[in-house]
PDB file of N, CA and C in Angstrom:
ATOM      1  N   MET A   1       5.840  15.381   3.780  1.00  0.00           N
ATOM      2  CA  MET A   1       5.108  14.111   3.304  1.00  0.00           C
ATOM      3  C   MET A   1       6.283  13.288   3.565  1.00  0.00           C
ATOM      4  N   GLU A   2       6.097  12.038   3.708  1.00  0.00           N
ATOM      5  CA  GLU A   2       7.169  10.757   3.384  1.00  0.00           C
ATOM      6  C   GLU A   2       6.829  10.056   2.446  1.00  0.00           C
ATOM      7  N   THR A   3       7.750   9.339   1.688  1.00  0.00           N
ATOM      8  CA  THR A   3       7.685   8.391   0.962  1.00  0.00           C
ATOM      9  C   THR A   3       7.631   6.808   1.442  1.00  0.00           C
ATOM     10  N   LYS A   4       7.143   5.744   1.303  1.00  0.00           N
ATOM     11  CA  LYS A   4       7.689   4.548   1.577  1.00  0.00           C
ATOM     12  C   LYS A   4       7.289   3.619   0.303  1.00  0.00           C
ATOM     13  N   VAL A   5       8.467   2.407   0.595  1.00  0.00           N
ATOM     14  CA  VAL A   5       8.189   1.687  -0.113  1.00  0.00           C
ATOM     15  C   VAL A   5       7.393   0.158   0.938  1.00  0.00           C
ATOM     16  N   LEU A   6       6.550  -0.168   0.087  1.00  0.00           N
ATOM     17  CA  LEU A   6       6.146  -1.458   0.599  1.00  0.00           C
ATOM     18  C   LEU A   6       6.280  -2.740  -0.348  1.00  0.00           C
ATOM     19  N   LYS A   7       6.846  -3.968   0.344  1.00  0.00           N
ATOM     20  CA  LYS A   7       6.704  -4.892  -0.491  1.00  0.00           C
ATOM     21  C   LYS A   7       5.568  -5.958  -0.152  1.00  0.00           C
ATOM     22  N   ILE A   8       4.707  -6.224  -1.048  1.00  0.00           N
ATOM     23  CA  ILE A   8       3.428  -7.028  -0.911  1.00  0.00           C
ATOM     24  C   ILE A   8       3.835  -7.878  -1.617  1.00  0.00           C
ATOM     25  N   SER A   9       3.187  -9.231  -1.166  1.00  0.00           N
ATOM     26  CA  SER A   9       3.377 -10.416  -1.815  1.00  0.00           C
ATOM     27  C   SER A   9       1.527 -10.888  -1.869  1.00  0.00           C
ATOM     28  N   GLY A  10       1.241 -11.689  -2.935  1.00  0.00           N
ATOM     29  CA  GLY A  10      -0.181 -11.823  -2.815  1.00  0.00           C
ATOM     30  C   GLY A  10      -0.774 -11.284  -4.681  1.00  0.00           C
ATOM     31  N   MET A  11       0.279 -10.660  -4.821  1.00  0.00           N
ATOM     32  CA  MET A  11      -0.091  -8.979  -6.191  1.00  0.00           C
ATOM     33  C   MET A  11      -0.014 -10.384  -7.852  1.00  0.00           C
ATOM     34  N   SER A  12      -0.703 -10.948  -8.171  1.00  0.00           N
ATOM     35  CA  SER A  12      -0.666 -11.003  -9.803  1.00  0.00           C
ATOM     36  C   SER A  12      -1.608 -10.410 -10.986  1.00  0.00           C
ATOM     37  N   CYS A  13      -1.939  -9.829 -11.254  1.00  0.00           N
ATOM     38  CA  CYS A  13      -3.133  -8.775 -11.974  1.00  0.00           C
ATOM     39  C   CYS A  13      -3.286  -7.408 -11.570  1.00  0.00           C
ATOM     40  N   GLN A  14      -4.377  -6.914 -12.732  1.00  0.00           N
ATOM     41  CA  GLN A  14      -4.658  -5.413 -12.487  1.00  0.00           C
ATOM     42  C   GLN A  14      -5.723  -5.609 -11.132  1.00  0.00           C
ATOM     43  N   HIS A  15      -6.663  -6.501 -11.439  1.00  0.00           N
ATOM     44  CA  HIS A  15      -7.826  -6.125 -10.095  1.00  0.00           C
ATOM     45  C   HIS A  15      -6.335  -6.435  -8.583  1.00  0.00           C
ATOM     46  N   CYS A  16      -5.802  -7.047  -9.095  1.00  0.00           N
ATOM     47  CA  CYS A  16      -4.731  -6.920  -7.657  1.00  0.00           C
ATOM     48  C   CYS A  16      -4.613  -5.342  -7.333  1.00  0.00           C
ATOM     49  N   LYS A  17      -3.899  -4.982  -8.465  1.00  0.00           N
ATOM     50  CA  LYS A  17      -3.471  -3.650  -8.406  1.00  0.00           C
ATOM     51  C   LYS A  17      -4.214  -2.524  -7.620  1.00  0.00           C
ATOM     52  N   MET A  18      -5.157  -3.143  -8.416  1.00  0.00           N
ATOM     53  CA  MET A  18      -6.139  -1.456  -8.145  1.00  0.00           C
ATOM     54  C   MET A  18      -6.560  -2.008  -6.872  1.00  0.00           C
ATOM     55  N   ALA A  19      -6.535  -3.268  -5.811  1.00  0.00           N
ATOM     56  CA  ALA A  19      -7.447  -4.065  -4.969  1.00  0.00           C
ATOM     57  C   ALA A  19      -6.467  -3.098  -3.550  1.00  0.00           C
ATOM     58  N   VAL A  20      -5.545  -3.306  -3.695  1.00  0.00           N
ATOM     59  CA  VAL A  20      -3.992  -2.152  -3.135  1.00  0.00           C
ATOM     60  C   VAL A  20      -4.627  -1.214  -3.241  1.00  0.00           C
ATOM     61  N   THR A  21      -4.184  -0.378  -4.483  1.00  0.00           N
ATOM     62  CA  THR A  21      -4.025   1.196  -4.176  1.00  0.00           C
ATOM     63  C   THR A  21      -5.228   1.980  -4.116  1.00  0.00           C
ATOM     64  N   ASN A  22      -6.897   0.540  -3.934  1.00  0.00           N
ATOM     65  CA  ASN A  22      -7.551   1.518  -3.308  1.00  0.00           C
ATOM     66  C   ASN A  22      -7.633   1.505  -1.819  1.00  0.00           C
ATOM     67  N   ALA A  23      -7.356   0.119  -1.178  1.00  0.00           N
ATOM     68  CA  ALA A  23      -6.933   0.068   0.091  1.00  0.00           C
ATOM     69  C   ALA A  23      -6.343   0.913   0.816  1.00  0.00           C
ATOM     70  N   LEU A  24      -4.832   1.368   0.201  1.00  0.00           N
ATOM     71  CA  LEU A  24      -4.104   2.232   0.508  1.00  0.00           C
ATOM     72  C   LEU A  24      -4.123   3.745   0.664  1.00  0.00           C
ATOM     73  N   LYS A  25      -5.182   4.429  -0.489  1.00  0.00           N
ATOM     74  CA  LYS A  25      -5.718   5.300  -0.684  1.00  0.00           C
ATOM     75  C   LYS A  25      -6.597   5.556   0.412  1.00  0.00           C
ATOM     76  N   GLY A  26      -7.494   4.464   1.389  1.00  0.00           N
ATOM     77  CA  GLY A  26      -8.320   4.632   2.227  1.00  0.00           C
ATOM     78  C   GLY A  26      -7.656   5.022   3.525  1.00  0.00           C
ATOM     79  N   VAL A  27      -6.550   4.887   3.353  1.00  0.00           N
ATOM     80  CA  VAL A  27      -6.092   5.307   4.695  1.00  0.00           C
ATOM     81  C   VAL A  27      -5.883   6.620   4.854  1.00  0.00           C
ATOM     82  N   ALA A  28      -6.223   7.250   6.214  1.00  0.00           N
ATOM     83  CA  ALA A  28      -6.150   8.389   6.593  1.00  0.00           C
ATOM     84  C   ALA A  28      -4.881   9.351   6.724  1.00  0.00           C
ATOM     85  N   GLY A  29      -4.249  10.119   5.487  1.00  0.00           N
ATOM     86  CA  GLY A  29      -3.005  10.324   5.583  1.00  0.00           C
ATOM     87  C   GLY A  29      -2.116  10.208   4.375  1.00  0.00           C
ATOM     88  N   VAL A  30      -3.256   9.275   3.709  1.00  0.00           N
ATOM     89  CA  VAL A  30      -2.077   8.967   2.437  1.00  0.00           C
ATOM     90  C   VAL A  30      -2.762   9.796   1.251  1.00  0.00           C
ATOM     91  N   GLU A  31      -1.621  10.339   0.380  1.00  0.00           N
ATOM     92  CA  GLU A  31      -1.516  11.003  -0.693  1.00  0.00           C
ATOM     93  C   GLU A  31      -2.182  10.596  -1.458  1.00  0.00           C
ATOM     94  N   SER A  32      -0.722   9.938  -2.165  1.00  0.00           N
ATOM     95  CA  SER A  32      -1.353   8.907  -3.302  1.00  0.00           C
ATOM     96  C   SER A  32      -0.212   7.403  -3.160  1.00  0.00           C
ATOM     97  N   VAL A  33      -0.768   6.999  -3.937  1.00  0.00           N
ATOM     98  CA  VAL A  33       0.080   5.414  -4.563  1.00  0.00           C
ATOM     99  C   VAL A  33       0.439   4.778  -5.757  1.00  0.00           C
ATOM    100  N   GLU A  34       1.204   4.444  -5.925  1.00  0.00           N
ATOM    101  CA  GLU A  34       1.908   3.730  -7.531  1.00  0.00           C
ATOM    102  C   GLU A  34       2.430   1.953  -7.141  1.00  0.00           C
ATOM    103  N   VAL A  35       1.279   1.396  -7.280  1.00  0.00           N
ATOM    104  CA  VAL A  35       2.039   0.138  -7.574  1.00  0.00           C
ATOM    105  C   VAL A  35       2.502  -0.320  -8.401  1.00  0.00           C
ATOM    106  N   ASP A  36       3.626  -1.010  -8.071  1.00  0.00           N
ATOM    107  CA  ASP A  36       4.170  -1.805  -9.485  1.00  0.00           C
ATOM    108  C   ASP A  36       3.938  -3.290  -9.054  1.00  0.00           C
ATOM    109  N   LEU A  37       3.293  -3.780 -10.084  1.00  0.00           N
ATOM    110  CA  LEU A  37       2.751  -4.924 -10.436  1.00  0.00           C
ATOM    111  C   LEU A  37       4.515  -5.989 -10.823  1.00  0.00           C
ATOM    112  N   SER A  38       4.640  -5.928 -11.584  1.00  0.00           N
ATOM    113  CA  SER A  38       5.844  -6.700 -11.655  1.00  0.00           C
ATOM    114  C   SER A  38       6.705  -6.553 -11.022  1.00  0.00           C
ATOM    115  N   GLU A  39       7.569  -5.280 -10.243  1.00  0.00           N
ATOM    116  CA  GLU A  39       8.105  -5.526  -8.327  1.00  0.00           C
ATOM    117  C   GLU A  39       7.647  -5.778  -7.554  1.00  0.00           C
ATOM    118  N   GLY A  40       6.082  -6.274  -7.488  1.00  0.00           N
ATOM    119  CA  GLY A  40       5.391  -6.482  -6.002  1.00  0.00           C
ATOM    120  C   GLY A  40       5.716  -5.363  -5.492  1.00  0.00           C
ATOM    121  N   LYS A  41       5.274  -4.135  -5.445  1.00  0.00           N
ATOM    122  CA  LYS A  41       5.855  -3.177  -4.658  1.00  0.00           C
ATOM    123  C   LYS A  41       5.320  -2.026  -4.431  1.00  0.00           C
ATOM    124  N   ALA A  42       4.199  -1.388  -3.749  1.00  0.00           N
ATOM    125  CA  ALA A  42       3.850  -0.095  -4.119  1.00  0.00           C
ATOM    126  C   ALA A  42       4.778   1.352  -3.115  1.00  0.00           C
ATOM    127  N   THR A  43       4.207   2.308  -3.958  1.00  0.00           N
ATOM    128  CA  THR A  43       5.280   3.691  -3.392  1.00  0.00           C
ATOM    129  C   THR A  43       4.237   4.485  -2.207  1.00  0.00           C
ATOM    130  N   VAL A  44       4.353   4.720  -1.376  1.00  0.00           N
ATOM    131  CA  VAL A  44       3.225   5.051  -1.132  1.00  0.00           C
ATOM    132  C   VAL A  44       3.697   7.074  -0.031  1.00  0.00           C
ATOM    133  N   ARG A  45       2.852   7.731  -0.441  1.00  0.00           N
ATOM    134  CA  ARG A  45       3.340   9.066  -0.005  1.00  0.00           C
ATOM    135  C   ARG A  45       2.564   9.972   0.978  1.00  0.00           C
ATOM    136  N   PHE A  46       3.116   9.844   2.101  1.00  0.00           N
ATOM    137  CA  PHE A  46       2.048   9.568   3.362  1.00  0.00           C
ATOM    138  C   PHE A  46       2.336  10.949   4.372  1.00  0.00           C
ATOM    139  N   ASP A  47       1.405  11.646   5.329  1.00  0.00           N
ATOM    140  CA  ASP A  47       1.626  11.927   5.943  1.00  0.00           C
ATOM    141  C   ASP A  47       1.564  11.413   7.422  1.00  0.00           C
ATOM    142  N   PRO A  48       3.268  11.575   7.754  1.00  0.00           N
ATOM    143  CA  PRO A  48       3.444  10.202   9.152  1.00  0.00           C
ATOM    144  C   PRO A  48       2.608  11.068  10.039  1.00  0.00           C
ATOM    145  N   ALA A  49       2.488  11.917  10.473  1.00  0.00           N
ATOM    146  CA  ALA A  49       1.597  12.722  11.526  1.00  0.00           C
ATOM    147  C   ALA A  49       0.101  12.190  11.563  1.00  0.00           C
ATOM    148  N   VAL A  50      -0.550  11.534  10.177  1.00  0.00           N
ATOM    149  CA  VAL A  50      -1.831  11.135  10.519  1.00  0.00           C
ATOM    150  C   VAL A  50      -1.663   9.462  10.129  1.00  0.00           C
ATOM    151  N   ALA A  51      -1.021   8.482   9.017  1.00  0.00           N
ATOM    152  CA  ALA A  51      -0.843   7.729   9.000  1.00  0.00           C
ATOM    153  C   ALA A  51      -0.291   7.368   9.348  1.00  0.00           C
ATOM    154  N   THR A  52      -0.319   6.143   9.895  1.00  0.00           N
ATOM    155  CA  THR A  52       1.015   4.971  10.217  1.00  0.00           C
ATOM    156  C   THR A  52       1.460   3.647   9.510  1.00  0.00           C
ATOM    157  N   ASP A  53       2.332   3.273  10.318  1.00  0.00           N
ATOM    158  CA  ASP A  53       2.759   2.058   8.916  1.00  0.00           C
ATOM    159  C   ASP A  53       2.064   0.784   9.319  1.00  0.00           C
ATOM    160  N   GLU A  54       1.224   0.516  10.742  1.00  0.00           N
ATOM    161  CA  GLU A  54       0.340  -0.095  11.204  1.00  0.00           C
ATOM    162  C   GLU A  54      -0.509  -0.137  10.608  1.00  0.00           C
ATOM    163  N   ALA A  55      -1.092   1.108  10.123  1.00  0.00           N
ATOM    164  CA  ALA A  55      -2.991   1.248   9.346  1.00  0.00           C
ATOM    165  C   ALA A  55      -2.124   0.955   8.056  1.00  0.00           C
ATOM    166  N   MET A  56      -1.082   1.460   7.344  1.00  0.00           N
ATOM    167  CA  MET A  56      -1.598   0.686   5.893  1.00  0.00           C
ATOM    168  C   MET A  56      -1.017  -1.173   6.331  1.00  0.00           C
ATOM    169  N   ARG A  57      -0.353  -1.514   6.540  1.00  0.00           N
ATOM    170  CA  ARG A  57      -0.077  -2.572   6.763  1.00  0.00           C
ATOM    171  C   ARG A  57      -1.548  -3.414   6.318  1.00  0.00           C
ATOM    172  N   ALA A  58      -2.632  -3.044   8.034  1.00  0.00           N
ATOM    173  CA  ALA A  58      -3.957  -3.399   7.881  1.00  0.00           C
ATOM    174  C   ALA A  58      -4.527  -3.728   6.439  1.00  0.00           C
ATOM    175  N   ALA A  59      -4.521  -2.017   5.576  1.00  0.00           N
ATOM    176  CA  ALA A  59      -5.563  -1.989   5.095  1.00  0.00           C
ATOM    177  C   ALA A  59      -4.687  -3.180   3.928  1.00  0.00           C
ATOM    178  N   VAL A  60      -3.604  -2.663   3.506  1.00  0.00           N
ATOM    179  CA  VAL A  60      -3.223  -4.162   2.768  1.00  0.00           C
ATOM    180  C   VAL A  60      -3.711  -6.041   3.270  1.00  0.00           C
ATOM    181  N   GLU A  61      -3.526  -5.807   4.363  1.00  0.00           N
ATOM    182  CA  GLU A  61      -3.988  -7.310   4.591  1.00  0.00           C
ATOM    183  C   GLU A  61      -4.984  -7.044   4.420  1.00  0.00           C
ATOM    184  N   GLU A  62      -6.266  -6.686   4.557  1.00  0.00           N
ATOM    185  CA  GLU A  62      -7.786  -6.608   4.929  1.00  0.00           C
ATOM    186  C   GLU A  62      -7.840  -6.654   3.333  1.00  0.00           C
ATOM    187  N   ALA A  63      -7.458  -6.149   2.390  1.00  0.00           N
ATOM    188  CA  ALA A  63      -7.702  -5.961   1.216  1.00  0.00           C
ATOM    189  C   ALA A  63      -7.467  -7.785   0.484  1.00  0.00           C
ATOM    190  N   GLY A  64      -6.660  -8.489   1.204  1.00  0.00           N
ATOM    191  CA  GLY A  64      -6.278  -9.703   1.354  1.00  0.00           C
ATOM    192  C   GLY A  64      -4.636  -9.678   0.527  1.00  0.00           C
ATOM    193  N   TYR A  65      -3.827  -9.190   0.780  1.00  0.00           N
ATOM    194  CA  TYR A  65      -2.676  -9.494   0.983  1.00  0.00           C
ATOM    195  C   TYR A  65      -1.705  -8.868   1.698  1.00  0.00           C
ATOM    196  N   GLU A  66      -0.339  -9.489   1.467  1.00  0.00           N
ATOM    197  CA  GLU A  66       0.762  -9.208   2.438  1.00  0.00           C
ATOM    198  C   GLU A  66       1.558  -8.841   2.155  1.00  0.00           C
ATOM    199  N   VAL A  67       2.079  -8.112   3.628  1.00  0.00           N
ATOM    200  CA  VAL A  67       3.045  -6.834   3.331  1.00  0.00           C
ATOM    201  C   VAL A  67       4.553  -7.420   4.051  1.00  0.00           C
ATOM    202  N   VAL A  68       5.180  -7.698   3.135  1.00  0.00           N
ATOM    203  CA  VAL A  68       6.325  -8.808   3.567  1.00  0.00           C
ATOM    204  C   VAL A  68       7.779  -7.677   3.647  1.00  0.00           C
ATOM    205  N   GLY A  69       7.968  -7.396   3.417  1.00  0.00           N
ATOM    206  CA  GLY A  69       8.800  -5.639   3.745  1.00  0.00           C
ATOM    207  C   GLY A  69       8.190  -4.033   3.403  1.00  0.00           C
ATOM    208  N   GLY A  70       9.349  -3.447   3.846  1.00  0.00           N
ATOM    209  CA  GLY A  70       8.597  -2.024   4.349  1.00  0.00           C
ATOM    210  C   GLY A  70       8.623  -1.286   5.121  1.00  0.00           C
TER     211      GLY A  70
END
């Protein structure tokens, strides 16, 4: 398992936090997600053989947010 921190813009409330959490948890290979609203980041623990950076980025963007780093 690997851990990656994604910097995400556009999150401002608990709904945003849940939307990003659920989007990332929906990516195959993602084991856990912790979203820090005040820091604008998501810490993702995942299996790199299954989950890709592109898949995680796409899931966040599909939920309506933007990955700006990570």
